[in-house]
């Protein structure tokens, strides 16, 4: 009986610690793998990688008729997570274009984070993309200024400026600025473009994003 109890306890501890070791967003990545197994991803698609602003854009394909979209946004993700899971986010696909939206969660996770540090995180991910896809179009959508994160806007604005400078110098790369389209006539962020949490967007907000993105879509 003692041997059975000991074996049971060892198994319980093993299961507990194996679960503890799984990194954040591990399940999201497994879900992507399952989707790819069920429906092999098409070649020459536009691959979206990023955080919840992509995750919640569940009808993104409807905004871009005639385009093949693969949405691999996972809510809450930071650029550190994109770097950690880079192989899982890039290796299964053969896209003609990658569009990235990520960065605001990095600042929300650490309000002391400097813009320069965030840009280095982005450059690291960009280099990982280029190592696998040297010539495809790679675009970065500017960090949006969510009303619920107004205290972080200074770092966000600086990060946007630095990333734009970087992308302007890169071949086959663009910085897509969605911030101006989300402002009113006085230059203030339109709160009506956000749902109740003042972080995620309404369909009208996504329409503004789509309008800004269309000129860059392959």
N, C-alpha and C. Protein backbone atom coordinates (compact mmCIF):
# COMPACT_ATOMS: atom_id res chain seq x y z
N UNK A 1 0.82 -1.21 0.00
CA UNK A 1 0.00 0.00 0.00
C UNK A 1 0.86 1.27 0.00
N UNK A 2 1.96 1.21 0.82
CA UNK A 2 2.86 2.36 0.88
C UNK A 2 3.52 2.61 -0.46
N UNK A 3 3.88 1.49 -1.16
CA UNK A 3 4.51 1.63 -2.47
C UNK A 3 3.55 2.28 -3.47
N UNK A 4 2.30 1.87 -3.42
CA UNK A 4 1.29 2.43 -4.32
C UNK A 4 1.10 3.92 -4.04
N UNK A 5 1.02 4.26 -2.75
CA UNK A 5 0.86 5.66 -2.35
C UNK A 5 2.06 6.50 -2.79
N UNK A 6 3.26 5.93 -2.60
CA UNK A 6 4.47 6.65 -3.00
C UNK A 6 4.50 6.88 -4.51
N UNK A 7 4.13 5.85 -5.26
CA UNK A 7 4.10 5.97 -6.71
C UNK A 7 3.08 7.03 -7.15
N UNK A 8 1.94 7.03 -6.47
CA UNK A 8 0.90 8.01 -6.78
C UNK A 8 1.38 9.44 -6.51
N UNK A 9 2.06 9.60 -5.37
CA UNK A 9 2.57 10.92 -5.02
C UNK A 9 3.64 11.38 -6.00
N UNK A 10 4.51 10.45 -6.40
CA UNK A 10 5.55 10.80 -7.37
C UNK A 10 4.94 11.23 -8.70
N UNK A 11 3.92 10.50 -9.13
CA UNK A 11 3.25 10.83 -10.37
C UNK A 11 2.57 12.19 -10.28
N UNK A 12 1.93 12.45 -9.14
CA UNK A 12 1.26 13.73 -8.93
C UNK A 12 2.25 14.88 -8.99
N UNK A 13 3.40 14.71 -8.30
CA UNK A 13 4.43 15.75 -8.31
C UNK A 13 4.99 15.94 -9.72
N UNK A 14 5.18 14.84 -10.44
CA UNK A 14 5.73 14.92 -11.79
C UNK A 14 4.80 15.69 -12.71
N UNK A 15 3.50 15.40 -12.60
CA UNK A 15 2.51 16.10 -13.41
C UNK A 15 2.45 17.58 -13.05
N UNK A 16 2.53 17.85 -11.75
CA UNK A 16 2.48 19.23 -11.28
C UNK A 16 3.64 20.04 -11.83
N UNK A 17 4.84 19.49 -11.69
CA UNK A 17 6.02 20.24 -12.12
C UNK A 17 6.13 20.33 -13.64
N UNK A 18 5.62 19.31 -14.35
CA UNK A 18 5.65 19.38 -15.82
C UNK A 18 4.73 20.50 -16.31
N UNK A 19 3.59 20.68 -15.60
CA UNK A 19 2.69 21.75 -15.96
C UNK A 19 3.28 23.11 -15.60
N UNK A 20 3.97 23.14 -14.47
CA UNK A 20 4.57 24.40 -14.03
C UNK A 20 5.63 24.91 -15.00
N UNK A 21 6.31 24.01 -15.66
CA UNK A 21 7.41 24.39 -16.53
C UNK A 21 6.95 24.93 -17.88
N UNK A 22 5.67 24.73 -18.19
CA UNK A 22 5.18 25.21 -19.49
C UNK A 22 5.17 26.73 -19.48
N UNK A 23 5.76 27.35 -20.48
CA UNK A 23 5.83 28.81 -20.51
C UNK A 23 4.47 29.44 -20.79
N UNK A 24 4.36 30.69 -20.47
CA UNK A 24 3.14 31.43 -20.77
C UNK A 24 2.86 31.37 -22.28
N UNK A 25 1.61 31.23 -22.62
CA UNK A 25 1.13 31.17 -24.01
C UNK A 25 1.46 29.85 -24.70
N UNK A 26 1.96 28.88 -23.94
CA UNK A 26 2.26 27.56 -24.52
C UNK A 26 1.00 26.98 -25.17
N UNK A 27 -0.14 27.10 -24.50
CA UNK A 27 -1.37 26.53 -25.03
C UNK A 27 -1.80 27.22 -26.31
N UNK A 28 -1.60 28.52 -26.40
CA UNK A 28 -1.94 29.24 -27.63
C UNK A 28 -1.16 28.68 -28.81
N UNK A 29 0.11 28.41 -28.58
CA UNK A 29 0.95 27.87 -29.65
C UNK A 29 0.49 26.47 -30.04
N UNK A 30 0.09 25.67 -29.04
CA UNK A 30 -0.43 24.33 -29.35
C UNK A 30 -1.71 24.42 -30.17
N UNK A 31 -2.53 25.42 -29.87
CA UNK A 31 -3.77 25.61 -30.63
C UNK A 31 -3.47 25.96 -32.08
N UNK A 32 -2.43 26.78 -32.30
CA UNK A 32 -2.03 27.11 -33.67
C UNK A 32 -1.58 25.85 -34.40
N UNK A 33 -0.80 25.02 -33.70
CA UNK A 33 -0.31 23.79 -34.32
C UNK A 33 -1.47 22.87 -34.71
N UNK A 34 -2.47 22.83 -33.84
CA UNK A 34 -3.65 22.00 -34.12
C UNK A 34 -4.39 22.53 -35.35
N UNK A 35 -4.53 23.84 -35.43
CA UNK A 35 -5.18 24.44 -36.60
C UNK A 35 -4.43 24.11 -37.88
N UNK A 36 -3.10 24.17 -37.81
CA UNK A 36 -2.29 23.89 -38.99
C UNK A 36 -2.36 22.42 -39.40
N UNK A 37 -2.55 21.54 -38.41
CA UNK A 37 -2.69 20.12 -38.71
C UNK A 37 -4.04 19.85 -39.37
N UNK A 38 -5.08 20.51 -38.86
CA UNK A 38 -6.43 20.31 -39.39
C UNK A 38 -6.58 20.90 -40.79
N UNK A 39 -5.98 22.09 -40.98
CA UNK A 39 -6.04 22.75 -42.28
C UNK A 39 -4.65 23.28 -42.61
N UNK A 40 -3.91 22.58 -43.47
CA UNK A 40 -2.56 23.03 -43.82
C UNK A 40 -2.56 24.48 -44.28
N UNK A 41 -1.68 25.31 -43.72
CA UNK A 41 -1.68 26.73 -44.07
C UNK A 41 -1.31 26.97 -45.53
N UNK A 42 -2.02 27.85 -46.20
CA UNK A 42 -1.74 28.11 -47.63
C UNK A 42 -0.42 28.85 -47.82
N UNK A 43 0.19 28.63 -48.96
CA UNK A 43 1.41 29.36 -49.30
C UNK A 43 1.05 30.76 -49.80
N UNK A 44 2.03 31.65 -49.72
CA UNK A 44 1.88 33.02 -50.23
C UNK A 44 0.72 33.78 -49.60
N UNK A 45 0.49 33.51 -48.32
CA UNK A 45 -0.54 34.23 -47.58
C UNK A 45 0.09 35.44 -46.88
N UNK A 46 -0.76 36.26 -46.29
CA UNK A 46 -0.30 37.36 -45.45
C UNK A 46 -0.42 36.89 -44.01
N UNK A 47 0.71 36.81 -43.33
CA UNK A 47 0.76 36.27 -41.97
C UNK A 47 0.74 37.41 -40.96
N UNK A 48 -0.27 37.39 -40.10
CA UNK A 48 -0.38 38.37 -39.02
C UNK A 48 0.17 37.76 -37.74
N UNK A 49 1.11 38.43 -37.11
CA UNK A 49 1.70 37.95 -35.86
C UNK A 49 1.62 39.07 -34.82
N UNK A 50 1.15 38.74 -33.62
CA UNK A 50 1.10 39.78 -32.61
C UNK A 50 0.19 39.47 -31.45
N UNK A 51 -0.33 40.51 -30.85
CA UNK A 51 -1.07 40.38 -29.60
C UNK A 51 -2.58 40.45 -29.83
N UNK A 52 -3.32 40.83 -28.77
CA UNK A 52 -4.78 40.68 -28.79
C UNK A 52 -5.50 41.54 -29.82
N UNK A 53 -4.90 42.62 -30.26
CA UNK A 53 -5.56 43.42 -31.30
C UNK A 53 -5.71 42.60 -32.58
N UNK A 54 -4.83 41.64 -32.80
CA UNK A 54 -4.99 40.68 -33.89
C UNK A 54 -5.90 39.53 -33.46
N UNK A 55 -5.71 39.03 -32.25
CA UNK A 55 -6.51 37.90 -31.77
C UNK A 55 -8.00 38.19 -31.90
N UNK A 56 -8.39 39.39 -31.49
CA UNK A 56 -9.80 39.75 -31.47
C UNK A 56 -10.33 40.17 -32.85
N UNK A 57 -9.42 40.28 -33.80
CA UNK A 57 -9.84 40.61 -35.17
C UNK A 57 -10.21 39.31 -35.88
N UNK A 58 -11.24 38.68 -35.39
CA UNK A 58 -11.60 37.35 -35.86
C UNK A 58 -12.13 37.34 -37.30
N UNK A 59 -12.66 38.46 -37.73
CA UNK A 59 -13.20 38.54 -39.10
C UNK A 59 -12.28 39.35 -40.01
N UNK A 60 -10.98 39.31 -39.71
CA UNK A 60 -10.02 40.13 -40.46
C UNK A 60 -10.08 39.87 -41.96
N UNK A 61 -10.33 38.65 -42.37
CA UNK A 61 -10.36 38.33 -43.80
C UNK A 61 -11.47 39.09 -44.52
N UNK A 62 -12.55 39.41 -43.81
CA UNK A 62 -13.66 40.14 -44.42
C UNK A 62 -13.27 41.57 -44.80
N UNK A 63 -12.26 42.11 -44.11
CA UNK A 63 -11.80 43.47 -44.37
C UNK A 63 -10.89 43.55 -45.60
N UNK A 64 -10.39 42.39 -46.00
CA UNK A 64 -9.44 42.36 -47.13
C UNK A 64 -9.87 41.30 -48.14
N UNK A 65 -10.98 41.54 -48.83
CA UNK A 65 -11.45 40.55 -49.81
C UNK A 65 -10.39 40.31 -50.89
N UNK A 66 -10.23 39.06 -51.23
CA UNK A 66 -9.25 38.69 -52.24
C UNK A 66 -7.88 38.40 -51.67
N UNK A 67 -7.69 38.66 -50.38
CA UNK A 67 -6.41 38.38 -49.73
C UNK A 67 -6.52 37.12 -48.89
N UNK A 68 -5.44 36.35 -48.84
CA UNK A 68 -5.40 35.16 -47.99
C UNK A 68 -4.66 35.53 -46.71
N UNK A 69 -5.37 35.45 -45.59
CA UNK A 69 -4.84 35.90 -44.30
C UNK A 69 -4.67 34.71 -43.36
N UNK A 70 -3.53 34.65 -42.69
CA UNK A 70 -3.33 33.71 -41.59
C UNK A 70 -3.12 34.55 -40.33
N UNK A 71 -4.05 34.44 -39.40
CA UNK A 71 -3.99 35.25 -38.18
C UNK A 71 -3.39 34.43 -37.04
N UNK A 72 -2.22 34.85 -36.60
CA UNK A 72 -1.56 34.16 -35.49
C UNK A 72 -1.27 35.14 -34.34
N UNK A 73 -2.29 35.92 -34.02
CA UNK A 73 -2.20 36.79 -32.85
C UNK A 73 -2.61 36.03 -31.61
N UNK A 74 -1.91 36.23 -30.52
CA UNK A 74 -2.32 35.59 -29.25
C UNK A 74 -2.31 36.63 -28.14
N UNK A 75 -3.48 36.76 -27.50
CA UNK A 75 -3.75 37.84 -26.57
C UNK A 75 -2.80 37.91 -25.39
N UNK A 76 -2.34 39.12 -25.10
CA UNK A 76 -1.44 39.35 -23.98
C UNK A 76 0.03 39.20 -24.33
N UNK A 77 0.33 38.79 -25.53
CA UNK A 77 1.72 38.52 -25.90
C UNK A 77 2.54 39.80 -26.00
N UNK A 78 3.81 39.63 -25.71
CA UNK A 78 4.79 40.72 -25.79
C UNK A 78 5.83 40.35 -26.85
N UNK A 79 6.66 41.29 -27.18
CA UNK A 79 7.73 40.99 -28.14
C UNK A 79 8.66 39.92 -27.60
N UNK A 80 8.81 39.87 -26.30
CA UNK A 80 9.62 38.79 -25.70
C UNK A 80 9.01 37.43 -26.02
N UNK A 81 7.68 37.36 -26.05
CA UNK A 81 7.01 36.09 -26.36
C UNK A 81 7.14 35.74 -27.84
N UNK A 82 7.07 36.76 -28.70
CA UNK A 82 7.27 36.50 -30.12
C UNK A 82 8.68 35.96 -30.37
N UNK A 83 9.64 36.49 -29.65
CA UNK A 83 11.01 35.98 -29.78
C UNK A 83 11.13 34.56 -29.24
N UNK A 84 10.50 34.30 -28.11
CA UNK A 84 10.59 32.98 -27.49
C UNK A 84 9.98 31.90 -28.40
N UNK A 85 8.84 32.23 -29.00
CA UNK A 85 8.12 31.26 -29.84
C UNK A 85 8.36 31.50 -31.34
N UNK A 86 9.44 32.16 -31.67
CA UNK A 86 9.66 32.56 -33.07
C UNK A 86 9.63 31.37 -34.03
N UNK A 87 10.23 30.27 -33.66
CA UNK A 87 10.24 29.11 -34.56
C UNK A 87 8.83 28.59 -34.81
N UNK A 88 8.03 28.55 -33.75
CA UNK A 88 6.65 28.07 -33.90
C UNK A 88 5.80 29.04 -34.70
N UNK A 89 6.14 30.33 -34.65
CA UNK A 89 5.35 31.34 -35.34
C UNK A 89 5.78 31.52 -36.80
N UNK A 90 6.98 31.06 -37.12
CA UNK A 90 7.50 31.29 -38.47
C UNK A 90 7.66 30.02 -39.30
N UNK A 91 8.18 28.97 -38.69
CA UNK A 91 8.56 27.77 -39.44
C UNK A 91 7.43 27.08 -40.20
N UNK A 92 6.19 27.05 -39.67
CA UNK A 92 5.15 26.31 -40.39
C UNK A 92 4.66 27.01 -41.66
N UNK A 93 5.09 28.25 -41.91
CA UNK A 93 4.46 29.04 -42.95
C UNK A 93 5.42 29.44 -44.07
N UNK A 94 4.83 29.73 -45.22
CA UNK A 94 5.57 30.25 -46.38
C UNK A 94 4.84 31.48 -46.90
N UNK A 95 4.83 32.54 -46.10
CA UNK A 95 4.04 33.72 -46.47
C UNK A 95 4.74 34.60 -47.50
N UNK A 96 3.97 35.45 -48.13
CA UNK A 96 4.55 36.46 -49.01
C UNK A 96 4.72 37.78 -48.27
N UNK A 97 4.10 37.88 -47.09
CA UNK A 97 4.17 39.10 -46.30
C UNK A 97 3.88 38.77 -44.84
N UNK A 98 4.57 39.48 -43.95
CA UNK A 98 4.30 39.35 -42.51
C UNK A 98 3.99 40.74 -41.97
N UNK A 99 2.90 40.84 -41.23
CA UNK A 99 2.53 42.09 -40.58
C UNK A 99 2.49 41.86 -39.07
N UNK A 100 3.15 42.72 -38.33
CA UNK A 100 3.32 42.55 -36.89
C UNK A 100 2.60 43.65 -36.13
N UNK A 101 1.85 43.26 -35.12
CA UNK A 101 1.36 44.25 -34.14
C UNK A 101 1.68 43.72 -32.75
N UNK A 102 2.62 44.36 -32.09
CA UNK A 102 3.01 43.92 -30.75
C UNK A 102 3.88 45.02 -30.13
N UNK A 103 3.83 45.11 -28.81
CA UNK A 103 4.67 46.08 -28.12
C UNK A 103 4.00 46.75 -26.94
N UNK A 104 2.69 47.01 -27.05
CA UNK A 104 2.06 47.73 -25.95
C UNK A 104 1.98 46.89 -24.68
N UNK A 105 1.90 45.56 -24.83
CA UNK A 105 1.88 44.71 -23.64
C UNK A 105 3.24 44.67 -22.94
N UNK A 106 4.31 44.89 -23.69
CA UNK A 106 5.64 44.96 -23.07
C UNK A 106 5.68 46.11 -22.07
N UNK A 107 5.14 47.25 -22.48
CA UNK A 107 5.12 48.41 -21.59
C UNK A 107 4.14 48.21 -20.43
N UNK A 108 3.00 47.57 -20.71
CA UNK A 108 2.02 47.32 -19.65
C UNK A 108 2.58 46.35 -18.62
N UNK A 109 3.38 45.42 -19.08
CA UNK A 109 4.00 44.43 -18.19
C UNK A 109 5.07 45.07 -17.31
N UNK A 110 5.71 46.11 -17.83
CA UNK A 110 6.78 46.80 -17.09
C UNK A 110 6.75 48.27 -17.45
N UNK A 111 6.09 49.09 -16.62
CA UNK A 111 5.94 50.50 -16.96
C UNK A 111 7.25 51.28 -16.88
N UNK A 112 8.31 50.62 -16.42
CA UNK A 112 9.64 51.25 -16.38
C UNK A 112 10.46 50.94 -17.64
N UNK A 113 9.89 50.12 -18.51
CA UNK A 113 10.60 49.71 -19.72
C UNK A 113 10.87 50.92 -20.60
N UNK A 114 12.09 51.04 -21.06
CA UNK A 114 12.47 52.14 -21.93
C UNK A 114 12.15 51.80 -23.38
N UNK A 115 11.83 52.83 -24.15
CA UNK A 115 11.52 52.63 -25.57
C UNK A 115 12.68 51.95 -26.29
N UNK A 116 13.89 52.33 -25.94
CA UNK A 116 15.06 51.76 -26.58
C UNK A 116 15.13 50.25 -26.38
N UNK A 117 14.77 49.79 -25.18
CA UNK A 117 14.79 48.35 -24.90
C UNK A 117 13.74 47.62 -25.72
N UNK A 118 12.55 48.23 -25.83
CA UNK A 118 11.50 47.60 -26.62
C UNK A 118 11.91 47.49 -28.08
N UNK A 119 12.53 48.53 -28.59
CA UNK A 119 12.97 48.51 -29.99
C UNK A 119 14.00 47.41 -30.23
N UNK A 120 14.87 47.17 -29.26
CA UNK A 120 15.84 46.08 -29.39
C UNK A 120 15.13 44.73 -29.44
N UNK A 121 14.07 44.60 -28.65
CA UNK A 121 13.28 43.36 -28.70
C UNK A 121 12.68 43.18 -30.10
N UNK A 122 12.18 44.28 -30.65
CA UNK A 122 11.61 44.19 -31.99
C UNK A 122 12.66 43.85 -33.03
N UNK A 123 13.80 44.49 -32.95
CA UNK A 123 14.88 44.22 -33.90
C UNK A 123 15.30 42.75 -33.85
N UNK A 124 15.31 42.19 -32.65
CA UNK A 124 15.66 40.78 -32.51
C UNK A 124 14.68 39.90 -33.26
N UNK A 125 13.39 40.19 -33.12
CA UNK A 125 12.38 39.41 -33.82
C UNK A 125 12.47 39.63 -35.33
N UNK A 126 12.69 40.86 -35.72
CA UNK A 126 12.83 41.18 -37.14
C UNK A 126 13.98 40.39 -37.76
N UNK A 127 15.10 40.29 -37.05
CA UNK A 127 16.25 39.54 -37.55
C UNK A 127 15.92 38.06 -37.68
N UNK A 128 15.12 37.55 -36.77
CA UNK A 128 14.69 36.15 -36.85
C UNK A 128 13.84 35.93 -38.11
N UNK A 129 12.99 36.89 -38.41
CA UNK A 129 12.18 36.79 -39.62
C UNK A 129 13.08 36.80 -40.85
N UNK A 130 14.01 37.74 -40.88
CA UNK A 130 14.88 37.87 -42.05
C UNK A 130 15.80 36.66 -42.25
N UNK A 131 16.14 36.00 -41.17
CA UNK A 131 16.97 34.80 -41.28
C UNK A 131 16.23 33.71 -42.07
N UNK A 132 14.91 33.70 -41.93
CA UNK A 132 14.11 32.68 -42.62
C UNK A 132 13.52 33.20 -43.93
N UNK A 133 13.14 34.47 -43.93
CA UNK A 133 12.52 35.07 -45.12
C UNK A 133 13.27 36.35 -45.49
N UNK A 134 14.36 36.23 -46.22
CA UNK A 134 15.23 37.39 -46.49
C UNK A 134 14.59 38.49 -47.32
N UNK A 135 13.63 38.15 -48.17
CA UNK A 135 13.18 39.15 -49.15
C UNK A 135 11.70 39.49 -49.09
N UNK A 136 10.91 38.80 -48.27
CA UNK A 136 9.48 39.09 -48.27
C UNK A 136 9.21 40.44 -47.60
N UNK A 137 8.02 40.96 -47.84
CA UNK A 137 7.60 42.21 -47.20
C UNK A 137 7.33 41.97 -45.70
N UNK A 138 7.89 42.83 -44.87
CA UNK A 138 7.66 42.77 -43.42
C UNK A 138 7.22 44.15 -42.96
N UNK A 139 6.05 44.23 -42.34
CA UNK A 139 5.50 45.52 -41.91
C UNK A 139 5.19 45.50 -40.42
N UNK A 140 5.34 46.66 -39.82
CA UNK A 140 5.05 46.82 -38.39
C UNK A 140 3.95 47.87 -38.22
N UNK A 141 2.88 47.50 -37.53
CA UNK A 141 1.80 48.44 -37.23
C UNK A 141 2.15 49.19 -35.95
N UNK A 142 2.04 50.51 -36.00
CA UNK A 142 2.40 51.33 -34.84
C UNK A 142 1.58 50.95 -33.61
N UNK A 143 2.19 51.11 -32.46
CA UNK A 143 1.50 50.84 -31.19
C UNK A 143 0.36 51.84 -31.03
N UNK A 144 -0.83 51.35 -30.79
CA UNK A 144 -1.98 52.24 -30.63
C UNK A 144 -1.98 52.86 -29.22
N UNK A 145 -2.60 54.03 -29.13
CA UNK A 145 -2.65 54.74 -27.85
C UNK A 145 -4.00 54.47 -27.18
N UNK A 146 -4.05 53.37 -26.47
CA UNK A 146 -5.29 52.99 -25.79
C UNK A 146 -5.54 53.91 -24.60
N UNK A 147 -6.78 54.41 -24.43
CA UNK A 147 -7.08 55.31 -23.30
C UNK A 147 -6.75 54.70 -21.94
N UNK A 148 -6.89 53.38 -21.80
CA UNK A 148 -6.62 52.74 -20.51
C UNK A 148 -5.13 52.69 -20.19
N UNK A 149 -4.29 53.00 -21.17
CA UNK A 149 -2.85 52.95 -20.95
C UNK A 149 -2.19 54.31 -21.22
N UNK A 150 -2.94 55.36 -20.91
CA UNK A 150 -2.46 56.70 -21.22
C UNK A 150 -1.14 57.01 -20.52
N UNK A 151 -0.93 56.43 -19.34
CA UNK A 151 0.32 56.68 -18.62
C UNK A 151 1.54 56.15 -19.36
N UNK A 152 1.32 55.25 -20.33
CA UNK A 152 2.41 54.65 -21.09
C UNK A 152 2.63 55.31 -22.45
N UNK A 153 1.81 56.27 -22.79
CA UNK A 153 1.90 56.88 -24.12
C UNK A 153 3.28 57.47 -24.42
N UNK A 154 3.93 58.15 -23.48
CA UNK A 154 5.25 58.71 -23.82
C UNK A 154 6.24 57.66 -24.32
N UNK A 155 6.32 56.50 -23.62
CA UNK A 155 7.22 55.44 -24.07
C UNK A 155 6.76 54.88 -25.42
N UNK A 156 5.43 54.74 -25.58
CA UNK A 156 4.90 54.20 -26.83
C UNK A 156 5.23 55.10 -28.01
N UNK A 157 5.06 56.40 -27.81
CA UNK A 157 5.34 57.35 -28.89
C UNK A 157 6.82 57.31 -29.28
N UNK A 158 7.67 57.22 -28.28
CA UNK A 158 9.10 57.14 -28.56
C UNK A 158 9.45 55.84 -29.27
N UNK A 159 8.83 54.75 -28.85
CA UNK A 159 9.07 53.45 -29.49
C UNK A 159 8.61 53.47 -30.94
N UNK A 160 7.42 54.04 -31.19
CA UNK A 160 6.93 54.14 -32.56
C UNK A 160 7.90 54.93 -33.43
N UNK A 161 8.40 56.02 -32.90
CA UNK A 161 9.33 56.86 -33.64
C UNK A 161 10.60 56.10 -33.99
N UNK A 162 11.14 55.36 -33.02
CA UNK A 162 12.38 54.63 -33.23
C UNK A 162 12.19 53.46 -34.20
N UNK A 163 11.06 52.76 -34.08
CA UNK A 163 10.81 51.64 -34.99
C UNK A 163 10.59 52.13 -36.41
N UNK A 164 9.90 53.26 -36.55
CA UNK A 164 9.71 53.83 -37.89
C UNK A 164 11.07 54.16 -38.53
N UNK A 165 11.94 54.77 -37.75
CA UNK A 165 13.27 55.10 -38.25
C UNK A 165 14.02 53.85 -38.72
N UNK A 166 13.89 52.78 -37.93
CA UNK A 166 14.54 51.52 -38.28
C UNK A 166 13.94 50.93 -39.55
N UNK A 167 12.61 50.87 -39.61
CA UNK A 167 11.94 50.24 -40.76
C UNK A 167 12.15 51.04 -42.04
N UNK A 168 12.24 52.35 -41.93
CA UNK A 168 12.45 53.18 -43.12
C UNK A 168 13.78 52.87 -43.81
N UNK A 169 14.72 52.33 -43.06
CA UNK A 169 16.04 52.02 -43.62
C UNK A 169 16.14 50.59 -44.14
N UNK A 170 15.14 49.78 -43.84
CA UNK A 170 15.18 48.37 -44.22
C UNK A 170 14.51 48.15 -45.58
N UNK A 171 15.07 47.26 -46.40
CA UNK A 171 14.42 46.93 -47.68
C UNK A 171 13.19 46.06 -47.46
N UNK A 172 12.21 46.24 -48.29
CA UNK A 172 10.97 45.45 -48.22
C UNK A 172 10.37 45.49 -46.81
N UNK A 173 10.34 46.66 -46.24
CA UNK A 173 9.81 46.83 -44.89
C UNK A 173 9.09 48.17 -44.79
N UNK A 174 7.98 48.19 -44.05
CA UNK A 174 7.21 49.42 -43.91
C UNK A 174 6.72 49.57 -42.46
N UNK A 175 6.59 50.82 -42.05
CA UNK A 175 5.97 51.16 -40.77
C UNK A 175 4.58 51.68 -41.09
N UNK A 176 3.56 51.01 -40.60
CA UNK A 176 2.17 51.38 -40.88
C UNK A 176 1.63 52.16 -39.69
N UNK A 177 1.42 53.44 -39.86
CA UNK A 177 0.96 54.30 -38.77
C UNK A 177 -0.57 54.31 -38.71
N UNK A 178 -1.12 53.72 -37.66
CA UNK A 178 -2.58 53.72 -37.49
C UNK A 178 -3.02 54.77 -36.47
N UNK A 179 -2.07 55.46 -35.85
CA UNK A 179 -2.42 56.37 -34.75
C UNK A 179 -3.16 57.61 -35.24
N UNK A 180 -2.74 58.17 -36.36
CA UNK A 180 -3.39 59.39 -36.86
C UNK A 180 -4.85 59.14 -37.22
N UNK A 181 -5.11 57.99 -37.80
CA UNK A 181 -6.48 57.66 -38.17
C UNK A 181 -7.40 57.47 -36.98
N UNK A 182 -6.83 57.25 -35.82
CA UNK A 182 -7.62 57.02 -34.61
C UNK A 182 -7.78 58.29 -33.78
N UNK A 183 -7.40 59.43 -34.35
CA UNK A 183 -7.53 60.71 -33.66
C UNK A 183 -8.72 61.50 -34.18
N UNK A 184 -9.25 62.39 -33.33
CA UNK A 184 -10.31 63.28 -33.78
C UNK A 184 -9.70 64.53 -34.41
N UNK A 185 -10.55 65.51 -34.74
CA UNK A 185 -10.08 66.72 -35.42
C UNK A 185 -9.12 67.53 -34.56
N UNK A 186 -9.17 67.32 -33.25
CA UNK A 186 -8.29 68.05 -32.34
C UNK A 186 -7.02 67.30 -31.99
N UNK A 187 -6.83 66.14 -32.61
CA UNK A 187 -5.63 65.35 -32.35
C UNK A 187 -5.70 64.48 -31.11
N UNK A 188 -6.91 64.30 -30.58
CA UNK A 188 -7.09 63.45 -29.40
C UNK A 188 -7.52 62.04 -29.82
N UNK A 189 -7.13 61.06 -29.03
CA UNK A 189 -7.52 59.68 -29.34
C UNK A 189 -9.03 59.53 -29.18
N UNK A 190 -9.65 58.96 -30.18
CA UNK A 190 -11.11 58.77 -30.15
C UNK A 190 -11.48 57.59 -29.25
N UNK A 191 -12.08 57.88 -28.13
CA UNK A 191 -12.46 56.83 -27.19
C UNK A 191 -13.60 55.98 -27.72
N UNK A 192 -14.37 56.52 -28.66
CA UNK A 192 -15.49 55.76 -29.21
C UNK A 192 -15.04 54.60 -30.08
N UNK A 193 -13.73 54.55 -30.39
CA UNK A 193 -13.21 53.44 -31.19
C UNK A 193 -12.85 52.24 -30.33
N UNK A 194 -13.03 52.38 -29.02
CA UNK A 194 -12.66 51.32 -28.09
C UNK A 194 -13.90 50.75 -27.39
N UNK A 195 -13.81 49.47 -27.04
CA UNK A 195 -14.88 48.85 -26.27
C UNK A 195 -14.73 49.27 -24.81
N UNK A 196 -15.53 48.70 -23.96
CA UNK A 196 -15.63 49.15 -22.56
C UNK A 196 -14.30 49.17 -21.82
N UNK A 197 -13.41 48.23 -22.13
CA UNK A 197 -12.13 48.18 -21.40
C UNK A 197 -11.16 49.28 -21.83
N UNK A 198 -11.52 50.06 -22.85
CA UNK A 198 -10.68 51.15 -23.35
C UNK A 198 -9.29 50.66 -23.77
N UNK A 199 -9.23 49.40 -24.18
CA UNK A 199 -7.98 48.79 -24.64
C UNK A 199 -8.17 48.14 -26.00
N UNK A 200 -9.25 47.40 -26.15
CA UNK A 200 -9.53 46.72 -27.41
C UNK A 200 -10.54 47.51 -28.24
N UNK A 201 -10.60 47.21 -29.52
CA UNK A 201 -11.30 48.08 -30.44
C UNK A 201 -12.66 47.59 -30.90
N UNK A 202 -13.45 48.54 -31.36
CA UNK A 202 -14.74 48.28 -31.98
C UNK A 202 -14.51 47.96 -33.47
N UNK A 203 -15.55 47.49 -34.15
CA UNK A 203 -15.41 47.27 -35.60
C UNK A 203 -14.98 48.53 -36.35
N UNK A 204 -15.43 49.70 -35.91
CA UNK A 204 -15.02 50.94 -36.58
C UNK A 204 -13.51 51.17 -36.42
N UNK A 205 -12.99 50.81 -35.26
CA UNK A 205 -11.55 50.91 -35.05
C UNK A 205 -10.79 50.03 -36.03
N UNK A 206 -11.29 48.83 -36.23
CA UNK A 206 -10.65 47.92 -37.18
C UNK A 206 -10.80 48.41 -38.63
N UNK A 207 -11.89 49.09 -38.92
CA UNK A 207 -12.05 49.66 -40.25
C UNK A 207 -10.96 50.70 -40.53
N UNK A 208 -10.62 51.47 -39.51
CA UNK A 208 -9.55 52.47 -39.64
C UNK A 208 -8.22 51.77 -39.86
N UNK A 209 -7.99 50.70 -39.11
CA UNK A 209 -6.75 49.92 -39.30
C UNK A 209 -6.69 49.38 -40.74
N UNK A 210 -7.80 48.81 -41.19
CA UNK A 210 -7.81 48.21 -42.53
C UNK A 210 -7.53 49.26 -43.60
N UNK A 211 -8.09 50.45 -43.43
CA UNK A 211 -7.85 51.53 -44.40
C UNK A 211 -6.36 51.91 -44.44
N UNK A 212 -5.73 51.94 -43.26
CA UNK A 212 -4.31 52.27 -43.20
C UNK A 212 -3.44 51.16 -43.77
N UNK A 213 -3.88 49.93 -43.60
CA UNK A 213 -3.09 48.78 -44.02
C UNK A 213 -3.19 48.47 -45.52
N UNK A 214 -4.34 48.73 -46.12
CA UNK A 214 -4.57 48.30 -47.50
C UNK A 214 -3.50 48.72 -48.49
N UNK A 215 -2.99 49.96 -48.42
CA UNK A 215 -1.95 50.32 -49.39
C UNK A 215 -0.68 49.50 -49.31
N UNK A 216 -0.48 48.82 -48.18
CA UNK A 216 0.74 48.04 -47.97
C UNK A 216 0.53 46.54 -48.21
N UNK A 217 -0.72 46.13 -48.37
CA UNK A 217 -1.02 44.71 -48.49
C UNK A 217 -0.58 44.19 -49.85
N UNK A 218 0.14 43.06 -49.83
CA UNK A 218 0.58 42.45 -51.08
C UNK A 218 -0.59 41.76 -51.78
